[in-house]
Amino acid sequence: MFLVVLPLITIPLILAETASYFQAVNGVTRLARQLLGFKLGELEKYAGSQWSLLVENHFAGRPDMVDAAKNAVEQYGRSIILSDSEIIFALDSEGKMAMATSDLSLLPAETGPLLDALSAENQGLQTAVIGGEKRVFQSFYFTPFEWHVLITEKESAFYSDAQRITTQTIITLCASVLMAVLLLILITNGLTNPLRRIVQAMNKIIETADLSSRVEIEYRDETGHLAYTFNRMTEELDRAYGQIKRYAFDAVLAGKKEERIRHIFQKYVPNDVIERFFASPEKMLIGENRRLSVLFSDIRSFTTISEGMAPDDLVNSLNRYFSGQVDIIYNRKGIVDKYIGDAIMAFWGAPEKHDDDALQSVLSGLDMIDALTNFNANQRRLGKCEFFIGVGINYGEVTVGNIGSERKMDYTVIGDAVNLASRMEGLTKTYHSELLITENVFNELRKAPPGGKPNDALLNYRLLDTVAVKGKTKGVKIYTVKRTLSSAEQKAWPLHNQGMKLYYSRSFREAEEKFREALTLLPGDFNAENIRARCAQYAPSPPPANWDGVEVMKSK
């Protein structure tokens, strides 16, 4: 309101004062100029009359009479001067002072510009520096005496009245604006005080949460109606707030119950599954087919280990082992499905699917193997048995969901892909490898994620064999995986993989040579020796034409 009304008051006031100022200044200046011009005209008439007397009496040729006439002109000039700062003087044709009504001396630097201004024959008001002061003047040239006659006044004195008007106008304008501002402040305060009290009441309610505050109704106008409406609103809000508090209390109780349920069931069911259950309970009873990665890990020779340890030591060791292994799986976005004795079953891709599920499962397997280094160091420090594991991973279609009855259900995965992952873990002992993956995992890793490099660029692979696990006739290629290779492995693994290609293309003698080269780099390597022995057997007596390189496993 203040910012809107103030310009409406001050702008017309400023415009009116400005117009008055210019009219007053122009009038005063015009009168001063006319007065100066009138004096100059009278002086010119008097000088002309004095010369006429000399001519009429035939005294124009007498120097004494001419000088008397000049003195008369000077005396007349003195008589028409009205202020101490006003001066009338005359310059001869050479620029020398011929007559002056008061003491005045031109500086050398002033004479030239002044004569130039006089020679221009400008009859109007002019400005020049005369006697070291800035002065305004008007002039005429009197031919009989060859004088330039000037009537001058100090510029400050000439415009003094205009300057006084300027000062008075500014003072009047400032006083008017100040009074308008003060008056407007009083008016706006009177108008906004009721609103301010409403704001104070609202702030008090916000700070204290006390909706019992009310605003006094002062006027029967819009502000009074606003105060009445505010009081009605706070009454309704007070009632609603009471209901909200009751609902909030009930919600807190329900949240506490839900939190306890979550806390209990997170030990048995993955947290993502719990979230999905609370979001949509009815959907959790329906299974679905998905392609995901399944991992099995098992402690080698656990029966022998358990026979040599006290039960409490065994349980403590297993708990420390499972704690580290499970953390790795969850950190890699996996789900621990179940513990099968000393074995761990985990999967990636449910309930939430990610583009790198296969890669994360393989990296988890490698992390689990690496984590045993610190675990076994602690076991040795405690005087306990060390653990060694085998890890098998497969990728394929499974059925995932809640399996069981109304009394007992498990969120789990089932299917041939799960069984094959379990068989891979078993084959780690047969192929003397800590980790085995199927060709399904290998093919999935070779797929490049959107905007990235193939996942297999992060790892090193070695094809070991093509096997048909127990109960199956179709063979599947199996690979072992490492993050980094020793200098010998960096040379031997490519030779081994080249040998496998020659082996499957029935070039047994060439394949045998590749495996021999690999064995020179890795003496005693089981897998290179295993396939080399087959090549040595098949070279003189090749297998039948329908041979596909599949080794059928007789045991799990």
Protein backbone atom coordinates (compact mmCIF):
# COMPACT_ATOMS: atom_id res chain seq x y z
CA MET A 1 0.00 0.00 0.00
CA PHE A 2 2.81 2.36 0.94
CA LEU A 3 4.72 1.73 -2.29
CA VAL A 4 1.58 2.21 -4.39
CA VAL A 5 0.15 5.32 -2.73
CA LEU A 6 3.39 7.23 -2.14
CA PRO A 7 4.20 7.66 -5.87
CA LEU A 8 0.60 8.77 -6.49
CA ILE A 9 1.11 11.61 -3.96
CA THR A 10 4.72 12.57 -4.62
CA ILE A 11 4.81 12.47 -8.43
CA PRO A 12 2.07 15.13 -8.94
CA LEU A 13 3.67 17.20 -6.15
CA ILE A 14 7.09 17.01 -7.81
CA LEU A 15 5.63 17.91 -11.21
CA ALA A 16 3.73 20.93 -9.78
CA GLU A 17 6.77 22.21 -7.88
CA THR A 18 8.99 21.75 -10.92
CA ALA A 19 6.59 23.70 -13.16
CA SER A 20 6.34 26.51 -10.60
CA TYR A 21 10.09 26.62 -10.24
CA PHE A 22 10.73 27.00 -13.95
CA GLN A 23 8.08 29.71 -14.30
CA ALA A 24 9.47 31.67 -11.34
CA VAL A 25 13.08 31.38 -12.47
CA ASN A 26 12.25 32.37 -16.04
CA GLY A 27 10.26 35.39 -14.81
CA VAL A 28 12.94 36.64 -12.45
CA THR A 29 15.69 36.15 -15.02
CA ARG A 30 13.64 37.91 -17.68
CA LEU A 31 13.04 40.94 -15.40
CA ALA A 32 16.74 41.16 -14.47
CA ARG A 33 17.72 41.00 -18.12
CA GLN A 34 15.15 43.65 -19.07
CA LEU A 35 16.34 45.95 -16.27
CA LEU A 36 19.95 45.60 -17.41
CA GLY A 37 18.90 46.28 -20.99
CA PHE A 38 16.83 49.31 -19.94
CA LYS A 39 19.81 50.84 -18.14
CA LEU A 40 22.01 50.19 -21.16
CA GLY A 41 19.47 51.90 -23.44
CA GLU A 42 19.21 54.93 -21.18
CA LEU A 43 22.99 55.20 -21.02
CA GLU A 44 23.19 55.01 -24.82
CA LYS A 45 20.54 57.78 -25.15
CA TYR A 46 22.37 60.01 -22.66
CA ALA A 47 25.72 59.57 -24.46
CA GLY A 48 23.99 60.41 -27.74
CA SER A 49 22.44 63.57 -26.27
CA GLN A 50 25.83 64.72 -24.93
CA TRP A 51 27.38 64.30 -28.38
CA SER A 52 24.49 66.14 -30.02
CA LEU A 53 25.11 69.15 -27.73
CA LEU A 54 28.77 69.18 -28.77
CA VAL A 55 27.86 69.05 -32.44
CA GLU A 56 25.12 71.71 -32.18
CA ASN A 57 27.44 74.13 -30.35
CA HIS A 58 30.35 73.37 -32.68
CA PHE A 59 32.43 71.97 -29.81
CA ALA A 60 32.96 68.51 -31.32
CA GLY A 61 36.44 69.42 -32.40
CA ARG A 62 37.56 70.66 -28.99
CA PRO A 63 39.20 67.91 -26.88
CA ASP A 64 38.36 69.61 -23.60
CA MET A 65 34.71 69.69 -24.46
CA VAL A 66 34.78 66.06 -25.61
CA ASP A 67 36.41 65.03 -22.34
CA ALA A 68 33.72 66.96 -20.47
CA ALA A 69 31.07 65.01 -22.40
CA LYS A 70 32.81 61.72 -21.56
CA ASN A 71 32.89 62.67 -17.86
CA ALA A 72 29.21 63.47 -18.02
CA VAL A 73 28.50 60.03 -19.45
CA GLU A 74 30.56 58.46 -16.66
CA GLN A 75 28.68 60.43 -13.99
CA TYR A 76 25.35 59.41 -15.49
CA GLY A 77 26.49 55.81 -15.43
CA ARG A 78 27.28 56.09 -11.74
CA SER A 79 23.81 57.49 -11.12
CA ILE A 80 21.95 54.52 -12.61
CA ILE A 81 23.95 51.80 -10.77
CA LEU A 82 21.78 50.05 -8.17
CA SER A 83 24.23 47.67 -6.47
CA ASP A 84 27.84 47.68 -5.32
CA SER A 85 28.69 44.79 -7.64
CA GLU A 86 27.28 46.47 -10.75
CA ILE A 87 29.90 48.24 -12.97
CA ILE A 88 29.63 50.31 -16.13
CA PHE A 89 32.82 50.72 -18.12
CA ALA A 90 34.04 51.47 -21.65
CA LEU A 91 36.90 50.08 -23.74
CA ASP A 92 38.52 51.97 -26.57
CA SER A 93 39.39 50.40 -29.88
CA GLU A 94 42.70 49.12 -28.49
CA GLY A 95 41.02 47.41 -25.55
CA LYS A 96 42.17 49.91 -22.95
CA MET A 97 39.94 50.99 -20.12
CA ALA A 98 38.43 54.35 -21.22
CA MET A 99 35.89 54.80 -18.43
CA ALA A 100 34.68 52.86 -15.37
CA THR A 101 32.23 53.60 -12.60
CA SER A 102 34.44 51.82 -10.05
CA ASP A 103 37.94 50.45 -9.77
CA LEU A 104 38.29 47.74 -12.40
CA SER A 105 41.33 46.35 -14.14
CA LEU A 106 41.23 43.77 -16.90
CA LEU A 107 43.77 40.99 -16.80
CA PRO A 108 45.78 40.48 -20.02
CA ALA A 109 44.20 37.10 -20.54
CA GLU A 110 40.69 38.62 -20.30
CA THR A 111 41.05 41.45 -22.83
CA GLY A 112 41.30 39.35 -26.00
CA PRO A 113 38.22 37.08 -25.36
CA LEU A 114 36.22 40.12 -24.24
CA LEU A 115 37.04 42.08 -27.44
CA ASP A 116 36.16 39.02 -29.52
CA ALA A 117 32.78 38.84 -27.80
CA LEU A 118 32.21 42.58 -28.34
CA SER A 119 33.20 42.48 -32.02
CA ALA A 120 30.53 39.83 -32.59
CA GLU A 121 27.98 42.64 -32.04
CA ASN A 122 25.73 40.41 -29.94
CA GLN A 123 23.11 42.66 -28.31
CA GLY A 124 21.89 40.01 -25.92
CA LEU A 125 23.05 38.98 -22.47
CA GLN A 126 26.58 37.55 -22.48
CA THR A 127 28.95 36.02 -19.94
CA ALA A 128 32.69 36.64 -19.57
CA VAL A 129 35.44 36.72 -16.96
CA ILE A 130 36.06 40.38 -16.10
CA GLY A 131 38.48 41.46 -13.39
CA GLY A 132 38.92 37.86 -12.30
CA GLU A 133 35.16 37.33 -11.74
CA LYS A 134 32.55 35.68 -13.85
CA ARG A 135 30.08 38.39 -14.89
CA VAL A 136 27.11 38.85 -17.17
CA PHE A 137 26.97 41.95 -19.39
CA GLN A 138 25.24 43.76 -22.19
CA SER A 139 27.03 46.28 -24.44
CA PHE A 140 26.73 48.82 -27.26
CA TYR A 141 29.33 50.52 -29.44
CA PHE A 142 29.33 54.34 -29.28
CA THR A 143 30.91 55.51 -32.52
CA PRO A 144 31.69 59.19 -31.66
CA PHE A 145 33.87 58.17 -28.72
CA GLU A 146 34.93 54.84 -30.34
CA TRP A 147 33.90 53.14 -27.12
CA HIS A 148 32.57 49.69 -26.36
CA VAL A 149 30.29 50.49 -23.43
CA LEU A 150 29.43 47.59 -21.09
CA ILE A 151 27.06 47.35 -18.17
CA THR A 152 27.97 44.30 -16.08
CA GLU A 153 26.86 42.45 -12.96
CA LYS A 154 28.34 39.51 -11.06
CA GLU A 155 26.79 36.29 -12.28
CA SER A 156 26.05 35.18 -8.69
CA ALA A 157 24.32 38.51 -7.93
CA PHE A 158 22.45 38.55 -11.26
CA TYR A 159 21.00 35.07 -10.66
CA SER A 160 20.71 35.36 -6.86
CA ASP A 161 16.94 35.65 -6.93
CA ALA A 162 16.69 32.56 -9.17
CA GLN A 163 18.98 30.66 -6.84
CA ARG A 164 16.85 31.64 -3.83
CA ILE A 165 13.79 30.37 -5.67
CA THR A 166 15.63 27.09 -6.40
CA THR A 167 16.57 26.64 -2.74
CA GLN A 168 13.07 27.46 -1.54
CA THR A 169 11.55 25.08 -4.11
CA ILE A 170 13.79 22.21 -2.99
CA ILE A 171 13.05 22.86 0.69
CA THR A 172 9.31 23.11 0.01
CA LEU A 173 9.35 19.92 -2.07
CA CYS A 174 11.30 17.93 0.55
CA ALA A 175 9.03 19.17 3.34
CA SER A 176 5.94 18.28 1.31
CA VAL A 177 7.24 14.78 0.51
CA LEU A 178 8.23 14.25 4.15
CA MET A 179 4.81 15.30 5.35
CA ALA A 180 3.18 13.04 2.75
CA VAL A 181 5.34 10.10 3.88
CA LEU A 182 4.56 10.70 7.57
CA LEU A 183 0.85 11.05 6.83
CA LEU A 184 0.91 7.91 4.69
CA ILE A 185 2.73 5.98 7.42
CA LEU A 186 0.04 6.96 9.91
CA ILE A 187 -2.70 5.94 7.51
CA THR A 188 -1.10 2.62 6.52
CA ASN A 189 -0.39 1.78 10.15
CA GLY A 190 -4.02 2.36 10.97
CA LEU A 191 -5.05 0.12 8.08
CA THR A 192 -2.50 -2.64 8.65
CA ASN A 193 -2.57 -2.88 12.45
CA PRO A 194 -5.48 -5.35 12.36
CA LEU A 195 -3.64 -7.41 9.76
CA ARG A 196 -0.47 -7.27 11.84
CA ARG A 197 -2.34 -8.60 14.85
CA ILE A 198 -3.66 -11.46 12.73
CA VAL A 199 -0.10 -12.25 11.64
CA GLN A 200 1.09 -12.14 15.26
CA ALA A 201 -1.67 -14.53 16.24
CA MET A 202 -0.68 -16.88 13.39
CA ASN A 203 3.00 -16.79 14.45
CA LYS A 204 2.01 -17.52 18.03
CA ILE A 205 -0.03 -20.49 16.86
CA ILE A 206 2.93 -21.75 14.79
CA GLU A 207 5.38 -21.37 17.69
CA THR A 208 3.17 -22.77 20.44
CA ALA A 209 0.81 -25.03 18.46
CA ASP A 210 -1.96 -23.43 20.55
CA LEU A 211 -4.99 -23.05 18.31
CA SER A 212 -6.99 -21.36 21.07
CA SER A 213 -5.59 -17.92 20.14
CA ARG A 214 -8.18 -15.44 18.83
CA VAL A 215 -7.99 -11.97 17.21
CA GLU A 216 -9.96 -8.98 18.54
CA ILE A 217 -12.46 -7.63 15.99
CA GLU A 218 -11.95 -3.83 15.93
CA TYR A 219 -13.77 -2.58 12.83
CA ARG A 220 -16.93 -3.49 10.94
CA ASP A 221 -15.16 -3.52 7.58
CA GLU A 222 -13.10 -5.89 5.46
CA THR A 223 -10.37 -6.19 8.11
CA GLY A 224 -12.99 -6.94 10.75
CA HIS A 225 -14.53 -9.59 8.51
CA LEU A 226 -11.04 -11.05 7.97
CA ALA A 227 -10.47 -11.24 11.74
CA TYR A 228 -13.84 -12.95 12.19
CA THR A 229 -13.02 -15.45 9.44
CA PHE A 230 -9.59 -16.09 11.01
CA ASN A 231 -11.19 -16.89 14.37
CA ARG A 232 -13.62 -19.29 12.66
CA MET A 233 -10.72 -20.96 10.85
CA THR A 234 -8.69 -21.47 14.04
CA GLU A 235 -11.73 -23.00 15.75
CA GLU A 236 -12.12 -25.51 12.93
CA LEU A 237 -8.39 -26.19 12.86
CA ASP A 238 -8.42 -26.78 16.61
CA ARG A 239 -11.06 -29.42 16.20
CA ALA A 240 -9.23 -30.97 13.22
CA TYR A 241 -5.94 -30.90 15.14
CA GLY A 242 -7.49 -32.94 17.92
CA GLN A 243 -8.58 -35.55 15.39
CA ILE A 244 -5.15 -35.53 13.73
CA LYS A 245 -3.44 -36.14 17.07
CA ARG A 246 -5.67 -39.12 17.68
CA TYR A 247 -4.95 -40.46 14.17
CA ALA A 248 -1.22 -39.78 14.60
CA PHE A 249 -1.18 -41.67 17.88
CA ASP A 250 -2.87 -44.62 16.21
CA ALA A 251 -0.41 -44.39 13.28
CA VAL A 252 2.58 -44.38 15.65
CA LEU A 253 1.27 -47.52 17.34
CA ALA A 254 0.76 -49.16 13.94
CA GLY A 255 4.25 -48.06 12.85
CA LYS A 256 5.80 -49.55 15.98
CA LYS A 257 4.05 -52.82 15.30
CA GLU A 258 5.18 -52.78 11.66
CA GLU A 259 8.75 -51.95 12.73
CA ARG A 260 8.80 -54.91 15.12
CA ILE A 261 7.46 -57.16 12.37
CA ARG A 262 10.10 -55.92 9.93
CA HIS A 263 12.85 -56.35 12.50
CA ILE A 264 11.83 -59.95 13.18
CA PHE A 265 11.25 -61.02 9.59
CA GLN A 266 14.37 -59.35 8.13
CA LYS A 267 16.31 -62.16 9.73
CA TYR A 268 14.39 -64.67 7.62
CA VAL A 269 13.18 -62.79 4.52
CA PRO A 270 15.10 -60.24 2.37
CA ASN A 271 14.20 -56.62 3.12
CA ASP A 272 13.14 -56.00 -0.51
CA VAL A 273 10.63 -58.84 -0.20
CA ILE A 274 9.21 -57.32 2.97
CA GLU A 275 8.85 -53.93 1.25
CA ARG A 276 7.01 -55.51 -1.65
CA PHE A 277 4.78 -57.43 0.74
CA PHE A 278 3.71 -54.27 2.58
CA ALA A 279 3.21 -52.45 -0.73
CA SER A 280 1.13 -55.23 -2.31
CA PRO A 281 0.42 -58.20 -0.01
CA GLU A 282 -1.83 -60.03 -2.48
CA LYS A 283 0.86 -60.19 -5.19
CA MET A 284 3.40 -61.88 -2.91
CA LEU A 285 1.43 -65.14 -3.04
CA ILE A 286 1.90 -65.39 -6.83
CA GLY A 287 5.07 -66.89 -8.32
CA GLU A 288 6.71 -65.64 -11.53
CA ASN A 289 9.32 -66.84 -13.99
CA ARG A 290 12.51 -64.81 -14.22
CA ARG A 291 16.01 -65.05 -15.57
CA LEU A 292 18.45 -64.52 -12.75
CA SER A 293 21.81 -65.60 -11.39
CA VAL A 294 22.06 -68.32 -8.72
CA LEU A 295 25.12 -68.97 -6.51
CA PHE A 296 25.97 -71.94 -4.31
CA SER A 297 28.97 -72.02 -1.99
CA ASP A 298 30.07 -74.88 0.26
CA ILE A 299 32.85 -75.44 2.78
CA ARG A 300 35.25 -78.17 1.65
CA SER A 301 35.59 -81.20 3.96
CA PHE A 302 33.20 -79.71 6.48
CA THR A 303 32.45 -83.11 7.99
CA THR A 304 36.11 -83.58 8.85
CA ILE A 305 36.28 -80.03 10.25
CA SER A 306 33.20 -80.53 12.43
CA GLU A 307 34.56 -83.79 13.84
CA GLY A 308 37.71 -82.00 15.02
CA MET A 309 36.01 -79.04 16.72
CA ALA A 310 33.90 -78.63 19.84
CA PRO A 311 30.26 -77.76 19.02
CA ASP A 312 30.44 -74.24 20.48
CA ASP A 313 33.70 -73.51 18.62
CA LEU A 314 32.14 -74.85 15.43
CA VAL A 315 29.06 -72.66 15.81
CA ASN A 316 31.15 -69.57 16.58
CA SER A 317 33.38 -70.19 13.57
CA LEU A 318 30.36 -70.74 11.30
CA ASN A 319 28.68 -67.56 12.55
CA ARG A 320 31.81 -65.49 11.83
CA TYR A 321 32.14 -67.15 8.43
CA PHE A 322 28.48 -66.63 7.49
CA SER A 323 28.54 -63.01 8.71
CA GLY A 324 31.36 -62.04 6.35
CA GLN A 325 30.04 -64.06 3.40
CA VAL A 326 26.47 -62.75 3.70
CA ASP A 327 27.63 -59.12 3.97
CA ILE A 328 29.48 -59.57 0.68
CA ILE A 329 26.36 -60.93 -1.03
CA TYR A 330 24.12 -58.13 0.21
CA ASN A 331 26.71 -55.47 -0.63
CA ARG A 332 26.62 -56.82 -4.19
CA LYS A 333 22.80 -56.45 -4.36
CA GLY A 334 22.21 -60.17 -3.87
CA ILE A 335 19.68 -62.08 -1.75
CA VAL A 336 20.64 -64.94 0.58
CA ASP A 337 17.99 -67.57 -0.07
CA LYS A 338 18.91 -70.09 2.60
CA TYR A 339 21.64 -71.91 4.52
CA ILE A 340 21.90 -75.60 3.70
CA GLY A 341 24.05 -76.85 6.52
CA ASP A 342 27.39 -75.18 5.82
CA ALA A 343 26.34 -74.16 2.28
CA ILE A 344 24.95 -70.81 1.16
CA MET A 345 22.39 -70.37 -1.61
CA ALA A 346 21.96 -66.85 -2.99
CA PHE A 347 20.47 -65.25 -6.09
CA TRP A 348 20.52 -61.94 -8.04
CA GLY A 349 17.65 -60.50 -10.07
CA ALA A 350 14.68 -60.83 -7.69
CA PRO A 351 12.67 -59.19 -6.33
CA GLU A 352 14.48 -56.29 -8.10
CA LYS A 353 16.26 -56.90 -11.40
CA HIS A 354 19.47 -55.08 -12.38
CA ASP A 355 21.41 -54.98 -15.64
CA ASP A 356 24.54 -56.38 -13.98
CA ASP A 357 23.07 -59.23 -11.90
CA ALA A 358 25.34 -61.84 -13.52
CA LEU A 359 28.45 -59.69 -13.01
CA GLN A 360 27.56 -58.95 -9.38
CA SER A 361 27.08 -62.65 -8.65
CA VAL A 362 30.53 -63.51 -10.09
CA LEU A 363 32.20 -60.62 -8.23
CA SER A 364 30.48 -61.78 -5.04
CA GLY A 365 31.90 -65.27 -5.53
CA LEU A 366 35.40 -63.86 -5.97
CA ASP A 367 34.94 -61.57 -2.94
CA MET A 368 33.80 -64.55 -0.84
CA ILE A 369 36.95 -66.49 -1.79
CA ASP A 370 39.16 -63.45 -1.10
CA ALA A 371 37.48 -62.84 2.27
CA LEU A 372 38.68 -66.25 3.48
CA THR A 373 42.23 -64.91 3.65
CA ASN A 374 41.42 -62.66 6.64
CA PHE A 375 39.00 -65.20 8.09
CA ASN A 376 41.60 -67.99 8.03
CA ALA A 377 44.24 -65.66 9.49
CA ASN A 378 41.91 -65.10 12.44
CA GLN A 379 41.21 -68.86 12.66
CA ARG A 380 44.95 -69.57 12.84
CA ARG A 381 45.34 -66.90 15.54
CA LEU A 382 42.56 -68.61 17.53
CA GLY A 383 44.02 -72.06 16.90
CA LYS A 384 40.97 -73.17 14.87
CA CYS A 385 40.63 -75.01 11.56
CA GLU A 386 40.81 -73.01 8.33
CA PHE A 387 37.88 -72.98 5.89
CA PHE A 388 38.13 -73.47 2.12
CA ILE A 389 35.12 -73.15 -0.17
CA GLY A 390 33.93 -73.92 -3.64
CA VAL A 391 31.54 -71.58 -5.49
CA GLY A 392 29.29 -72.48 -8.40
CA ILE A 393 27.19 -69.97 -10.39
CA ASN A 394 24.56 -70.37 -13.11
CA TYR A 395 22.29 -67.94 -14.96
CA GLY A 396 18.91 -68.96 -16.32
CA GLU A 397 15.15 -69.02 -15.97
CA VAL A 398 13.70 -69.99 -12.60
CA THR A 399 10.42 -69.70 -10.74
CA VAL A 400 10.63 -67.17 -7.92
CA GLY A 401 8.07 -66.47 -5.22
CA ASN A 402 6.70 -67.62 -1.90
CA ILE A 403 6.81 -71.42 -1.84
CA GLY A 404 5.20 -73.47 0.92
CA SER A 405 1.96 -73.65 2.86
CA GLU A 406 -0.10 -71.24 4.94
CA ARG A 407 1.80 -72.37 8.05
CA LYS A 408 5.33 -72.05 6.60
CA MET A 409 6.43 -70.26 3.46
CA ASP A 410 9.82 -69.38 1.98
CA TYR A 411 10.63 -66.73 -0.58
CA THR A 412 12.88 -68.79 -2.84
CA VAL A 413 13.75 -69.83 -6.39
CA ILE A 414 13.31 -73.27 -7.96
CA GLY A 415 14.05 -74.81 -11.35
CA ASP A 416 16.71 -76.55 -13.44
CA ALA A 417 18.89 -73.42 -13.39
CA VAL A 418 19.06 -73.69 -9.60
CA ASN A 419 20.01 -77.37 -9.77
CA LEU A 420 22.73 -76.64 -12.33
CA ALA A 421 24.24 -73.95 -10.06
CA SER A 422 24.36 -76.52 -7.25
CA ARG A 423 26.08 -79.03 -9.58
CA MET A 424 28.66 -76.36 -10.51
CA GLU A 425 29.57 -75.99 -6.84
CA GLY A 426 30.02 -79.77 -6.65
CA LEU A 427 32.25 -79.79 -9.73
CA THR A 428 34.69 -77.33 -8.15
CA LYS A 429 36.21 -80.33 -6.34
CA THR A 430 36.35 -82.41 -9.53
CA TYR A 431 38.09 -79.64 -11.49
CA HIS A 432 40.27 -78.44 -8.60
CA SER A 433 38.87 -74.88 -8.90
CA GLU A 434 37.52 -72.51 -6.28
CA LEU A 435 34.89 -70.98 -8.60
CA LEU A 436 33.05 -72.35 -11.64
CA ILE A 437 30.50 -70.60 -13.86
CA THR A 438 28.37 -71.98 -16.68
CA GLU A 439 28.43 -70.81 -20.26
CA ASN A 440 25.06 -69.10 -19.55
CA VAL A 441 26.85 -66.82 -17.07
CA PHE A 442 29.76 -66.37 -19.48
CA ASN A 443 27.41 -65.35 -22.32
CA GLU A 444 25.54 -62.94 -20.04
CA LEU A 445 28.80 -61.31 -18.97
CA ARG A 446 29.81 -60.79 -22.60
CA LYS A 447 26.76 -58.58 -23.18
CA ALA A 448 27.64 -54.89 -23.05
CA PRO A 449 25.43 -52.84 -20.71
CA PRO A 450 23.86 -49.65 -22.15
CA GLY A 451 26.64 -47.17 -22.80
CA GLY A 452 29.38 -49.40 -21.35
CA LYS A 453 31.95 -52.07 -22.09
CA PRO A 454 31.22 -55.83 -21.91
CA ASN A 455 31.31 -57.06 -18.33
CA ASP A 456 33.78 -59.82 -19.21
CA ALA A 457 36.42 -57.12 -19.85
CA LEU A 458 36.73 -56.86 -16.06
CA LEU A 459 37.59 -60.53 -15.59
CA ASN A 460 39.78 -63.34 -16.92
CA TYR A 461 38.20 -66.62 -18.05
CA ARG A 462 39.46 -70.14 -18.65
CA LEU A 463 37.32 -72.77 -20.38
CA LEU A 464 37.75 -76.08 -18.49
CA ASP A 465 35.36 -78.57 -20.07
CA THR A 466 31.91 -79.36 -21.40
CA VAL A 467 29.96 -81.51 -18.96
CA ALA A 468 26.57 -83.10 -18.64
CA VAL A 469 25.71 -83.15 -14.95
CA LYS A 470 24.08 -86.16 -13.40
CA GLY A 471 20.56 -86.66 -14.70
CA LYS A 472 21.16 -84.57 -17.85
CA THR A 473 22.26 -85.49 -21.35
CA LYS A 474 22.87 -82.02 -22.73
CA GLY A 475 26.32 -80.66 -22.07
CA VAL A 476 27.22 -77.18 -20.78
CA LYS A 477 30.57 -75.47 -20.96
CA ILE A 478 32.14 -74.58 -17.63
CA TYR A 479 34.65 -71.82 -16.92
CA THR A 480 36.79 -70.70 -14.03
CA VAL A 481 37.21 -66.97 -13.38
CA LYS A 482 39.81 -64.74 -11.79
CA ARG A 483 40.21 -60.99 -11.43
CA THR A 484 43.97 -60.92 -11.88
CA LEU A 485 46.45 -63.46 -13.20
CA SER A 486 50.03 -64.18 -12.33
CA SER A 487 52.64 -63.61 -15.02
CA ALA A 488 52.67 -67.35 -15.80
CA GLU A 489 48.85 -67.51 -15.95
CA GLN A 490 48.75 -64.50 -18.27
CA LYS A 491 50.64 -66.60 -20.83
CA ALA A 492 49.22 -70.04 -19.99
CA TRP A 493 45.47 -69.26 -19.94
CA PRO A 494 45.35 -68.00 -23.57
CA LEU A 495 47.27 -71.15 -24.64
CA HIS A 496 44.80 -73.30 -22.70
CA ASN A 497 41.80 -71.58 -24.34
CA GLN A 498 43.39 -72.01 -27.79
CA GLY A 499 43.90 -75.68 -27.01
CA MET A 500 40.23 -76.05 -26.08
CA LYS A 501 39.17 -74.64 -29.47
CA LEU A 502 41.47 -77.13 -31.24
CA TYR A 503 40.17 -79.91 -28.96
CA TYR A 504 36.51 -79.28 -29.92
CA SER A 505 37.48 -79.02 -33.60
CA ARG A 506 39.03 -82.58 -33.26
CA SER A 507 42.59 -81.26 -33.91
CA PHE A 508 43.86 -83.36 -31.04
CA ARG A 509 47.58 -83.35 -31.79
CA GLU A 510 47.68 -79.54 -32.20
CA ALA A 511 45.57 -79.19 -29.07
CA GLU A 512 47.93 -81.47 -27.13
CA GLU A 513 50.85 -79.20 -28.08
CA LYS A 514 49.04 -76.14 -26.76
CA PHE A 515 48.35 -77.90 -23.45
CA ARG A 516 51.99 -79.01 -23.22
CA GLU A 517 53.05 -75.35 -23.65
CA ALA A 518 50.59 -74.34 -20.93
CA LEU A 519 51.98 -77.05 -18.63
CA THR A 520 55.53 -75.76 -19.08
CA LEU A 521 54.26 -72.45 -17.67
CA LEU A 522 52.00 -74.03 -15.04
CA PRO A 523 53.63 -77.37 -14.10
CA GLY A 524 51.17 -79.84 -12.56
CA ASP A 525 48.10 -77.85 -13.57
CA PHE A 526 45.21 -80.32 -13.25
CA ASN A 527 42.93 -78.96 -15.97
CA ALA A 528 45.63 -78.56 -18.61
CA GLU A 529 46.88 -82.09 -17.86
CA ASN A 530 43.30 -83.46 -17.87
CA ILE A 531 42.51 -82.26 -21.39
CA ARG A 532 46.05 -83.05 -22.62
CA ALA A 533 45.57 -86.64 -21.56
CA ARG A 534 42.31 -86.85 -23.49
CA CYS A 535 44.00 -85.38 -26.56
CA ALA A 536 46.78 -87.96 -26.27
CA GLN A 537 44.08 -90.70 -26.09
CA TYR A 538 41.99 -89.33 -28.97
CA ALA A 539 44.89 -88.52 -31.35
CA PRO A 540 45.63 -92.15 -32.38
CA SER A 541 42.04 -93.31 -31.85
CA PRO A 542 39.61 -90.47 -32.58
CA PRO A 543 36.11 -90.57 -31.04
CA PRO A 544 33.06 -91.26 -33.23
CA ALA A 545 31.84 -88.65 -35.71
CA ASN A 546 28.97 -87.60 -33.45
CA TRP A 547 31.35 -86.80 -30.59
CA ASP A 548 30.60 -83.38 -29.08
CA GLY A 549 33.20 -83.24 -26.32
CA VAL A 550 30.66 -83.67 -23.52
CA GLU A 551 31.85 -85.42 -20.37
CA VAL A 552 28.98 -87.11 -18.56
CA MET A 553 29.21 -86.82 -14.78
CA LYS A 554 28.30 -89.96 -12.85
CA SER A 555 27.94 -88.23 -9.47
CA LYS A 556 26.63 -84.98 -8.08
